[in-house]
Amino acid sequence: MRTPTALTIVVGLVATVVAFAVAPGGPRLDPRHTGDAELAATVRAAVGGDRGYRGLAVALVEEGRVRTAGIGERAPGRPVEPGTPFEIGSVTKGMTGMLLTHRAAGGAVRPDAPLSDALPQVDGPTREVTLAELASHRSGLPRLALGPIDLVRTAWTNLTAGNPYGGWDAEWVVDAASDERPGDGRGSVHYSNVGVALLGQALAAQAGTTYPELLDRELLRPLGMTRTVVATEPALLPPGRAVGTKLGGRPADPWVGGGYAPAGIGVWSTAEDLARLVAGLLAGTAPGADAARARFTEDDRDRVGYGWFTTRHGDREIVWHNGGTGGFRAYVGWEPAAGRGVVVLGNTERDVDPVGLRLLGVDGDAVEDEGVPLAGWVGVALALGFSFLGGVSLLRTVRRVPDRLSLAPAAAWALLYLGLGHRLGNWSLVPGWLWPLGVGLSAAGLVVAAYRWRALPTVDGAPPRKRLASLAGSALVAVPLLVAVLA
């Protein structure tokens, strides 16, 4: 039975128009601001556009003066303020390095002591790695200590914008690290989250307390950083916090987990609090400030201290650390020679490092533009592919499908692909109006499928058992993906 062409076109067009009401859209920086208006305007100029950002909290420290501003929104309809808490991710590593330096200055620990001195329960070759090696990423340990099941779980939570670190406490990190063997890269700088996590847990164990308590007692309280918290469980998340956002525009769950807290999991702070940290580091009065001194060479431009990096930009040197979690980015940097520092916090996955460097006055040509990361291009491919794959595949299938048992899953996949594209696509780089076009294409395919359905047998061709087995296999793949769409 032939499908009326006019009806197919009309349904496709109507579906396209209706879909514009729910079209995806990447995060954008709206015009609102709080705090210092002049600084907010300077930040907007440094950003150079609104795509990819949703909200920014910024602090500028210079000549003993701190200026702060909030730009955009922390949550729908709620503006960012200088005191809005953001996840700061790996910026925490710099603070963990400061704890090592501070406690070493008091004689509590020795940086060259093996990990086992402070954390005797760690097993295997990891026992011999020194605290200094852990603090400077020279331990030879991998970026993360993950078994096969942990890798699957991490991939799944990344797909669903969930929390990959839930349930990983200090004991879990110690056990996981005990199964690792420092590689041939020991002694050279290779970034390791598990290494810094072990360092923080070791310092806390040696002090007879927990990492959050040690950080608060020896660094946060002396600096007056009262809004900085380590949320090792959801109940400890700070009120009024920003909502993390994926580049496709969907909200991301906070990353919470005590084991990796010293490396930056579950740590929240504000632009105002981090400005106090920067001011103390510039003045040399912060506990453990010497951690920022560059001690080891990574490459021609970069050196590392205990947790903090030093990078040369032309004839200028910037000390810094950045951070990234499921829906946040952070940058803390300062130029000791100029006495100037900056804090930039964002609640999307778009990097804020270039913004921070421009605020520090680094020449635009010297600010490295690393372009879109691999994950960003994957999101672009998902946006384009899933938006149109279902409709194209369905229209091709209806021409040669032998029976209803083949046509039904093709129609279901066409709808599922649209959901996947909407949820997983990087709509900060791909125009959101492309998705409704995919909806229209799939709707046209469904009209053709509906007309074709009436003329088809239920099962034809291969034995029913084989066909049903194929359908069950397809469902096993589709159901988890459907969960990812609805999560």
Protein backbone atom coordinates (compact mmCIF):
# COMPACT_ATOMS: atom_id res chain seq x y z
CA MET A 1 0.00 0.00 0.00
CA ARG A 2 1.52 3.35 -1.04
CA THR A 3 1.85 6.10 1.53
CA PRO A 4 0.26 9.46 0.66
CA THR A 5 3.24 11.73 0.04
CA ALA A 6 1.38 14.85 1.11
CA LEU A 7 0.43 13.34 4.47
CA THR A 8 4.02 12.26 5.11
CA ILE A 9 5.33 15.74 4.37
CA VAL A 10 2.66 17.48 6.47
CA VAL A 11 3.25 15.23 9.50
CA GLY A 12 6.99 15.74 9.19
CA LEU A 13 6.62 19.52 9.06
CA VAL A 14 4.17 19.65 11.96
CA ALA A 15 6.43 17.44 14.10
CA THR A 16 9.38 19.71 13.28
CA VAL A 17 7.50 22.83 14.34
CA VAL A 18 6.21 21.24 17.56
CA ALA A 19 9.67 19.92 18.41
CA PHE A 20 11.07 23.45 18.47
CA ALA A 21 9.23 23.89 21.79
CA VAL A 22 11.46 21.26 23.41
CA ALA A 23 14.57 21.67 21.26
CA PRO A 24 17.85 21.24 23.15
CA GLY A 25 20.05 24.19 23.81
CA GLY A 26 23.52 24.45 25.22
CA PRO A 27 24.18 26.68 28.22
CA ARG A 28 24.44 30.40 27.61
CA LEU A 29 25.60 33.27 29.79
CA ASP A 30 22.68 35.60 30.42
CA PRO A 31 23.11 39.37 30.97
CA ARG A 32 22.66 39.42 34.75
CA HIS A 33 25.52 40.22 37.11
CA THR A 34 26.10 40.81 40.81
CA GLY A 35 28.98 42.38 42.70
CA ASP A 36 31.54 44.63 41.00
CA ALA A 37 29.97 45.88 37.75
CA GLU A 38 33.29 46.92 36.22
CA LEU A 39 34.81 43.49 36.90
CA ALA A 40 31.71 41.79 35.47
CA ALA A 41 32.13 43.77 32.24
CA THR A 42 35.81 42.85 32.10
CA VAL A 43 34.93 39.19 32.54
CA ARG A 44 32.41 39.31 29.69
CA ALA A 45 35.09 40.78 27.44
CA ALA A 46 37.50 38.02 28.47
CA VAL A 47 34.87 35.36 27.79
CA GLY A 48 34.33 36.60 24.24
CA GLY A 49 30.81 35.14 23.84
CA ASP A 50 28.02 33.50 25.76
CA ARG A 51 27.95 29.94 24.40
CA GLY A 52 29.10 27.15 26.67
CA TYR A 53 28.88 29.10 29.93
CA ARG A 54 25.89 29.37 32.22
CA GLY A 55 27.25 31.15 35.27
CA LEU A 56 30.63 32.46 36.41
CA ALA A 57 31.88 33.64 39.79
CA VAL A 58 35.10 35.63 39.64
CA ALA A 59 37.52 37.23 42.07
CA LEU A 60 40.46 39.48 41.19
CA VAL A 61 43.20 40.08 43.76
CA GLU A 62 45.62 42.94 43.15
CA GLU A 63 47.45 45.51 45.26
CA GLY A 64 45.94 44.06 48.41
CA ARG A 65 42.42 44.63 47.12
CA VAL A 66 39.86 41.93 46.32
CA ARG A 67 37.09 42.52 43.80
CA THR A 68 34.38 39.94 43.12
CA ALA A 69 31.52 39.52 40.67
CA GLY A 70 28.92 36.99 39.61
CA ILE A 71 27.74 36.65 36.00
CA GLY A 72 24.85 34.59 34.65
CA GLU A 73 22.82 32.12 36.67
CA ARG A 74 23.67 29.44 39.22
CA ALA A 75 20.33 27.69 38.70
CA PRO A 76 17.26 28.46 36.56
CA GLY A 77 16.14 31.98 37.42
CA ARG A 78 18.75 32.45 40.16
CA PRO A 79 21.78 34.67 39.57
CA VAL A 80 25.35 33.80 40.48
CA GLU A 81 26.71 35.78 43.42
CA PRO A 82 30.34 36.08 44.59
CA GLY A 83 29.39 33.87 47.55
CA THR A 84 27.75 31.12 45.48
CA PRO A 85 29.39 27.71 46.16
CA PHE A 86 30.79 25.85 43.14
CA GLU A 87 32.51 22.49 42.88
CA ILE A 88 36.21 23.29 42.54
CA GLY A 89 37.53 19.85 41.64
CA SER A 90 41.30 19.53 41.41
CA VAL A 91 42.01 23.01 42.74
CA THR A 92 41.83 21.06 46.01
CA LYS A 93 45.09 19.32 45.09
CA GLY A 94 46.92 22.57 45.69
CA MET A 95 45.41 22.77 49.18
CA THR A 96 46.40 19.16 49.88
CA GLY A 97 49.96 20.06 48.89
CA MET A 98 49.80 22.98 51.31
CA LEU A 99 48.79 20.60 54.10
CA LEU A 100 51.92 18.54 53.41
CA THR A 101 54.15 21.61 53.49
CA HIS A 102 52.50 22.98 56.61
CA ARG A 103 52.74 19.74 58.55
CA ALA A 104 56.30 19.18 57.39
CA ALA A 105 57.26 22.64 58.64
CA GLY A 106 55.87 21.68 62.05
CA GLY A 107 57.85 18.43 62.09
CA ALA A 108 54.80 16.17 61.93
CA VAL A 109 55.86 14.50 58.65
CA ARG A 110 58.80 14.30 56.29
CA PRO A 111 58.13 14.83 52.56
CA ASP A 112 60.74 12.22 51.66
CA ALA A 113 59.21 9.61 53.98
CA PRO A 114 57.53 6.57 52.37
CA LEU A 115 53.75 6.48 52.28
CA SER A 116 53.71 3.47 54.62
CA ASP A 117 55.07 5.60 57.49
CA ALA A 118 51.85 7.61 57.59
CA LEU A 119 49.51 5.01 56.09
CA PRO A 120 50.76 1.56 57.18
CA GLN A 121 47.69 -0.23 55.86
CA VAL A 122 48.66 0.43 52.24
CA ASP A 123 50.15 -2.69 50.66
CA GLY A 124 52.35 -3.64 47.74
CA PRO A 125 54.98 -1.50 45.97
CA THR A 126 52.88 1.63 46.54
CA ARG A 127 54.10 1.56 50.15
CA GLU A 128 57.50 2.87 49.08
CA VAL A 129 56.28 5.94 47.20
CA THR A 130 57.17 9.12 49.09
CA LEU A 131 54.79 11.86 50.18
CA ALA A 132 56.70 14.36 48.04
CA GLU A 133 56.29 12.14 44.98
CA LEU A 134 52.56 11.92 45.60
CA ALA A 135 52.27 15.71 46.00
CA SER A 136 54.21 16.44 42.80
CA HIS A 137 52.66 13.76 40.56
CA ARG A 138 55.96 11.84 40.33
CA SER A 139 54.78 8.65 42.02
CA GLY A 140 54.34 6.62 38.85
CA LEU A 141 50.78 5.77 39.92
CA PRO A 142 47.98 5.92 37.32
CA ARG A 143 45.51 8.75 37.01
CA LEU A 144 42.81 6.64 38.72
CA ALA A 145 42.88 3.24 40.43
CA LEU A 146 40.03 1.40 38.73
CA GLY A 147 39.19 -2.23 38.18
CA PRO A 148 37.05 -3.47 35.25
CA ILE A 149 33.79 -3.07 37.19
CA ASP A 150 34.81 0.43 38.28
CA LEU A 151 35.52 1.38 34.67
CA VAL A 152 32.04 0.25 33.61
CA ARG A 153 30.47 2.14 36.48
CA THR A 154 32.45 5.29 35.66
CA ALA A 155 31.44 5.11 32.00
CA TRP A 156 27.79 4.66 32.97
CA THR A 157 27.71 7.59 35.39
CA ASN A 158 29.39 9.79 32.79
CA LEU A 159 26.67 8.77 30.34
CA THR A 160 23.90 9.60 32.81
CA ALA A 161 25.57 12.72 34.29
CA GLY A 162 25.75 10.88 37.61
CA ASN A 163 28.29 10.65 40.42
CA PRO A 164 31.09 8.16 39.65
CA TYR A 165 32.68 8.45 43.11
CA GLY A 166 29.79 7.49 45.38
CA GLY A 167 30.76 4.86 47.95
CA TRP A 168 34.50 5.21 47.38
CA ASP A 169 35.72 6.03 50.86
CA ALA A 170 39.27 6.28 52.22
CA GLU A 171 39.50 2.54 52.81
CA TRP A 172 38.44 1.84 49.23
CA VAL A 173 41.13 4.17 47.85
CA VAL A 174 43.82 2.52 49.99
CA ASP A 175 42.75 -0.96 48.89
CA ALA A 176 42.58 0.06 45.23
CA ALA A 177 45.99 1.74 45.36
CA SER A 178 47.51 -1.32 47.03
CA ASP A 179 46.72 -3.25 43.87
CA GLU A 180 48.61 -0.75 41.72
CA ARG A 181 52.30 -0.83 40.86
CA PRO A 182 54.19 2.44 40.28
CA GLY A 183 55.19 2.43 36.62
CA ASP A 184 58.38 3.27 34.81
CA GLY A 185 57.35 6.92 34.92
CA ARG A 186 58.14 7.19 38.62
CA GLY A 187 60.26 10.28 39.11
CA SER A 188 58.72 12.08 36.13
CA VAL A 189 55.59 14.23 36.27
CA HIS A 190 52.49 12.23 35.32
CA TYR A 191 49.20 13.56 36.69
CA SER A 192 47.66 11.19 39.25
CA ASN A 193 44.37 11.68 41.08
CA VAL A 194 44.88 8.55 43.13
CA GLY A 195 48.33 9.76 44.17
CA VAL A 196 47.03 13.00 45.69
CA ALA A 197 44.07 11.16 47.22
CA LEU A 198 46.52 8.84 48.98
CA LEU A 199 48.58 11.83 50.14
CA GLY A 200 45.59 13.51 51.74
CA GLN A 201 44.38 10.31 53.40
CA ALA A 202 47.90 9.64 54.70
CA LEU A 203 48.22 13.13 56.20
CA ALA A 204 44.84 12.76 57.87
CA ALA A 205 45.65 9.28 59.23
CA GLN A 206 48.97 10.49 60.62
CA ALA A 207 47.15 13.37 62.32
CA GLY A 208 44.55 11.00 63.76
CA THR A 209 41.62 12.64 62.02
CA THR A 210 39.76 12.73 58.70
CA TYR A 211 40.78 14.70 55.64
CA PRO A 212 37.85 17.17 55.84
CA GLU A 213 38.62 17.87 59.49
CA LEU A 214 42.35 18.27 58.85
CA LEU A 215 41.78 20.65 55.93
CA ASP A 216 39.35 22.74 57.95
CA ARG A 217 41.56 22.88 61.03
CA GLU A 218 44.89 23.65 59.42
CA LEU A 219 44.01 25.64 56.31
CA LEU A 220 40.41 26.79 55.94
CA ARG A 221 39.79 28.23 59.39
CA PRO A 222 43.14 30.08 59.61
CA LEU A 223 42.38 31.72 56.25
CA GLY A 224 38.76 32.51 57.12
CA MET A 225 37.45 30.27 54.33
CA THR A 226 34.17 29.58 56.11
CA ARG A 227 32.15 28.77 52.96
CA THR A 228 34.48 26.01 51.74
CA VAL A 229 33.23 22.50 52.54
CA VAL A 230 34.14 18.90 51.78
CA ALA A 231 30.88 17.09 51.06
CA THR A 232 31.66 13.42 51.61
CA GLU A 233 27.94 12.62 51.42
CA PRO A 234 24.93 14.37 49.84
CA ALA A 235 23.64 15.67 53.18
CA LEU A 236 26.74 17.87 53.46
CA LEU A 237 26.26 19.71 50.16
CA PRO A 238 26.20 23.48 50.76
CA PRO A 239 22.94 25.45 50.48
CA GLY A 240 22.53 27.95 47.67
CA ARG A 241 25.05 26.08 45.53
CA ALA A 242 25.33 26.34 41.77
CA VAL A 243 23.89 23.55 39.64
CA GLY A 244 26.41 21.81 37.42
CA THR A 245 25.52 21.65 33.74
CA LYS A 246 26.60 19.40 30.89
CA LEU A 247 27.44 20.99 27.55
CA GLY A 248 24.15 19.67 26.21
CA GLY A 249 22.32 21.75 28.82
CA ARG A 250 21.17 18.99 31.20
CA PRO A 251 21.97 19.22 34.95
CA ALA A 252 24.72 17.03 36.39
CA ASP A 253 24.70 15.33 39.77
CA PRO A 254 27.25 16.61 42.30
CA TRP A 255 30.36 14.46 42.63
CA VAL A 256 30.46 13.16 46.19
CA GLY A 257 32.87 10.63 47.72
CA GLY A 258 35.24 10.76 50.67
CA GLY A 259 38.05 8.63 49.25
CA TYR A 260 39.05 11.04 46.50
CA ALA A 261 38.25 14.20 48.49
CA PRO A 262 41.95 15.23 48.78
CA ALA A 263 42.11 15.15 44.97
CA GLY A 264 39.01 17.34 44.64
CA ILE A 265 35.87 15.19 44.85
CA GLY A 266 33.03 16.77 46.84
CA VAL A 267 34.89 20.02 47.58
CA TRP A 268 32.88 23.22 47.20
CA SER A 269 34.07 26.80 47.55
CA THR A 270 33.25 30.35 46.54
CA ALA A 271 35.08 33.05 44.64
CA GLU A 272 35.28 35.04 47.87
CA ASP A 273 36.82 32.17 49.84
CA LEU A 274 39.33 31.26 47.15
CA ALA A 275 40.33 34.93 46.90
CA ARG A 276 41.40 34.65 50.56
CA LEU A 277 43.51 31.65 49.61
CA VAL A 278 45.13 33.50 46.72
CA ALA A 279 45.79 36.58 48.86
CA GLY A 280 47.48 34.40 51.48
CA LEU A 281 49.61 32.66 48.85
CA LEU A 282 50.65 35.96 47.27
CA ALA A 283 51.63 37.32 50.68
CA GLY A 284 53.26 34.08 51.77
CA THR A 285 51.15 34.05 54.93
CA ALA A 286 48.86 31.12 54.11
CA PRO A 287 49.64 27.89 56.00
CA GLY A 288 51.91 25.81 53.76
CA ALA A 289 52.31 28.60 51.20
CA ASP A 290 55.71 27.23 50.19
CA ALA A 291 53.88 24.33 48.49
CA ALA A 292 53.47 26.65 45.49
CA ARG A 293 57.23 26.93 44.97
CA ALA A 294 58.23 25.08 41.81
CA ARG A 295 60.50 22.16 42.66
CA PHE A 296 60.43 19.77 39.71
CA THR A 297 60.47 20.21 35.93
CA GLU A 298 57.72 18.77 33.76
CA ASP A 299 58.70 20.24 30.38
CA ASP A 300 60.15 23.37 28.79
CA ARG A 301 57.35 25.57 30.11
CA ASP A 302 55.97 23.80 33.15
CA ARG A 303 57.23 23.00 36.62
CA VAL A 304 55.43 21.63 39.66
CA GLY A 305 55.62 22.14 43.39
CA TYR A 306 53.48 20.34 45.96
CA GLY A 307 50.12 20.41 44.24
CA TRP A 308 50.60 23.70 42.36
CA PHE A 309 51.90 24.15 38.81
CA THR A 310 54.04 26.99 37.46
CA THR A 311 53.80 27.78 33.74
CA ARG A 312 55.81 30.28 31.73
CA HIS A 313 53.91 32.51 29.32
CA GLY A 314 56.54 34.44 27.42
CA ASP A 315 58.57 36.24 30.10
CA ARG A 316 55.87 35.81 32.75
CA GLU A 317 55.30 32.96 35.19
CA ILE A 318 51.85 32.02 36.47
CA VAL A 319 51.29 29.68 39.42
CA TRP A 320 48.00 27.86 39.09
CA HIS A 321 45.72 24.88 39.33
CA ASN A 322 42.44 24.17 37.60
CA GLY A 323 39.61 21.78 38.32
CA GLY A 324 36.91 19.94 36.46
CA THR A 325 34.02 17.75 37.63
CA GLY A 326 30.83 16.48 35.98
CA GLY A 327 29.32 19.93 35.48
CA PHE A 328 31.87 22.45 36.77
CA ARG A 329 35.19 24.06 35.86
CA ALA A 330 37.50 26.12 38.08
CA TYR A 331 40.74 28.07 37.74
CA VAL A 332 42.91 29.62 40.45
CA GLY A 333 46.09 31.40 39.38
CA TRP A 334 48.43 34.20 40.33
CA GLU A 335 51.54 35.97 39.12
CA PRO A 336 53.94 36.40 42.05
CA ALA A 337 56.04 39.03 40.29
CA ALA A 338 53.02 41.25 39.66
CA GLY A 339 51.24 40.53 42.95
CA ARG A 340 48.06 39.73 41.07
CA GLY A 341 45.75 36.71 41.29
CA VAL A 342 42.43 35.49 39.94
CA VAL A 343 39.68 32.98 40.67
CA VAL A 344 37.22 31.87 37.99
CA LEU A 345 34.45 29.35 38.74
CA GLY A 346 31.97 28.07 36.17
CA ASN A 347 29.00 25.72 36.37
CA THR A 348 29.40 24.05 32.97
CA GLU A 349 32.02 21.80 31.38
CA ARG A 350 33.54 24.58 29.31
CA ASP A 351 37.05 25.39 30.52
CA VAL A 352 37.58 28.69 32.32
CA ASP A 353 41.40 28.67 32.20
CA PRO A 354 41.58 31.08 29.23
CA VAL A 355 39.29 33.51 31.05
CA GLY A 356 41.53 33.44 34.11
CA LEU A 357 44.69 34.00 32.08
CA ARG A 358 43.19 36.94 30.24
CA LEU A 359 42.13 38.49 33.55
CA LEU A 360 45.71 38.11 34.71
CA GLY A 361 46.74 40.17 31.71
CA VAL A 362 48.43 37.38 29.77
CA ASP A 363 48.52 38.48 26.14
CA GLY A 364 45.75 36.94 24.09
CA ASP A 365 48.24 35.40 21.65
CA ALA A 366 50.02 33.70 24.55
CA VAL A 367 46.85 32.09 25.89
CA GLU A 368 46.83 28.62 24.46
CA ASP A 369 43.57 27.70 22.80
CA GLU A 370 43.46 23.94 23.02
CA GLY A 371 40.22 23.91 21.07
CA VAL A 372 37.37 21.55 21.72
CA PRO A 373 38.43 18.50 23.77
CA LEU A 374 37.79 14.99 22.50
CA ALA A 375 34.73 14.64 24.75
CA GLY A 376 33.31 17.79 23.17
CA TRP A 377 33.68 16.39 19.65
CA VAL A 378 32.11 13.13 20.79
CA GLY A 379 29.14 15.18 21.98
CA VAL A 380 28.96 16.88 18.58
CA ALA A 381 28.91 13.49 16.85
CA LEU A 382 26.20 12.26 19.21
CA ALA A 383 24.08 15.35 18.59
CA LEU A 384 24.25 15.07 14.83
CA GLY A 385 24.26 11.29 14.56
CA PHE A 386 21.41 10.49 16.93
CA SER A 387 19.24 13.35 15.66
CA PHE A 388 19.14 11.98 12.13
CA LEU A 389 20.21 8.34 12.37
CA GLY A 390 16.83 7.07 13.56
CA GLY A 391 14.80 8.75 10.83
CA VAL A 392 17.19 7.78 8.03
CA SER A 393 17.40 4.19 9.29
CA LEU A 394 13.63 3.90 9.63
CA LEU A 395 12.98 5.20 6.11
CA ARG A 396 15.49 2.72 4.73
CA THR A 397 14.05 -0.14 6.79
CA VAL A 398 10.44 0.30 5.67
CA ARG A 399 11.47 -0.30 2.06
CA ARG A 400 12.85 -3.78 2.68
CA VAL A 401 11.42 -4.92 6.01
CA PRO A 402 9.82 -8.40 5.74
CA ASP A 403 7.49 -8.29 8.73
CA ARG A 404 6.19 -6.41 11.76
CA LEU A 405 8.75 -8.02 14.06
CA SER A 406 11.44 -6.14 12.16
CA LEU A 407 9.56 -2.90 11.71
CA ALA A 408 8.56 -2.39 15.37
CA PRO A 409 12.12 -2.20 16.78
CA ALA A 410 13.20 0.08 13.93
CA ALA A 411 10.41 2.50 14.86
CA ALA A 412 11.30 2.26 18.57
CA TRP A 413 14.98 2.92 17.87
CA ALA A 414 14.08 5.99 15.82
CA LEU A 415 12.43 7.49 18.90
CA LEU A 416 15.20 6.36 21.25
CA TYR A 417 17.88 7.91 19.04
CA LEU A 418 16.09 11.26 19.26
CA GLY A 419 16.11 11.03 23.05
CA LEU A 420 19.80 10.13 23.09
CA GLY A 421 20.67 13.01 20.82
CA HIS A 422 18.70 15.43 22.98
CA ARG A 423 20.30 14.24 26.23
CA LEU A 424 23.85 13.41 25.21
CA GLY A 425 24.62 15.84 22.40
CA ASN A 426 26.95 18.80 22.82
CA TRP A 427 24.43 21.51 22.01
CA SER A 428 26.85 24.26 22.94
CA LEU A 429 28.58 23.65 19.58
CA VAL A 430 25.72 22.25 17.50
CA PRO A 431 22.71 24.52 16.75
CA GLY A 432 19.70 23.25 18.67
CA TRP A 433 17.37 23.79 15.67
CA LEU A 434 18.93 20.75 13.97
CA TRP A 435 17.26 18.41 16.45
CA PRO A 436 13.68 19.33 15.41
CA LEU A 437 14.67 18.57 11.82
CA GLY A 438 15.60 15.08 12.98
CA VAL A 439 12.23 14.83 14.74
CA GLY A 440 10.48 15.72 11.51
CA LEU A 441 12.45 13.10 9.60
CA SER A 442 11.61 10.41 12.15
CA ALA A 443 7.94 11.45 12.16
CA ALA A 444 7.82 11.07 8.38
CA GLY A 445 9.39 7.64 8.75
CA LEU A 446 6.75 6.65 11.30
CA VAL A 447 3.97 7.64 8.92
CA VAL A 448 5.47 5.44 6.21
CA ALA A 449 5.91 2.63 8.74
CA ALA A 450 2.28 2.91 9.86
CA TYR A 451 1.01 2.46 6.29
CA ARG A 452 3.46 -0.36 5.63
CA TRP A 453 2.46 -2.09 8.89
CA ARG A 454 -1.01 -3.08 7.73
CA ALA A 455 0.31 -5.03 4.74
CA LEU A 456 3.01 -6.96 6.65
CA PRO A 457 2.84 -10.40 8.32
CA THR A 458 3.78 -10.63 11.98
CA VAL A 459 6.78 -12.90 11.33
CA ASP A 460 8.36 -13.82 8.02
CA GLY A 461 11.70 -15.13 6.82
CA ALA A 462 14.01 -16.52 9.51
CA PRO A 463 12.69 -18.95 12.17
CA PRO A 464 10.64 -17.12 14.84
CA ARG A 465 12.96 -18.29 17.64
CA LYS A 466 15.97 -16.72 15.95
CA ARG A 467 14.07 -13.53 15.26
CA LEU A 468 12.87 -13.28 18.86
CA ALA A 469 16.42 -13.85 20.13
CA SER A 470 17.59 -10.97 17.96
CA LEU A 471 14.79 -8.79 19.30
CA ALA A 472 15.73 -9.68 22.90
CA GLY A 473 19.35 -8.74 22.23
CA SER A 474 18.26 -5.41 20.84
CA ALA A 475 16.14 -4.81 23.93
CA LEU A 476 19.09 -5.54 26.22
CA VAL A 477 20.96 -2.70 24.57
CA ALA A 478 17.97 -0.38 24.29
CA VAL A 479 16.76 -0.56 27.89
CA PRO A 480 19.98 0.81 29.49
CA LEU A 481 20.09 3.54 26.85
CA LEU A 482 16.48 4.41 27.63
CA VAL A 483 17.42 4.69 31.30
CA ALA A 484 20.22 7.03 30.30
CA VAL A 485 17.75 9.20 28.40
CA LEU A 486 15.29 9.34 31.31
CA ALA A 487 17.91 9.75 34.06
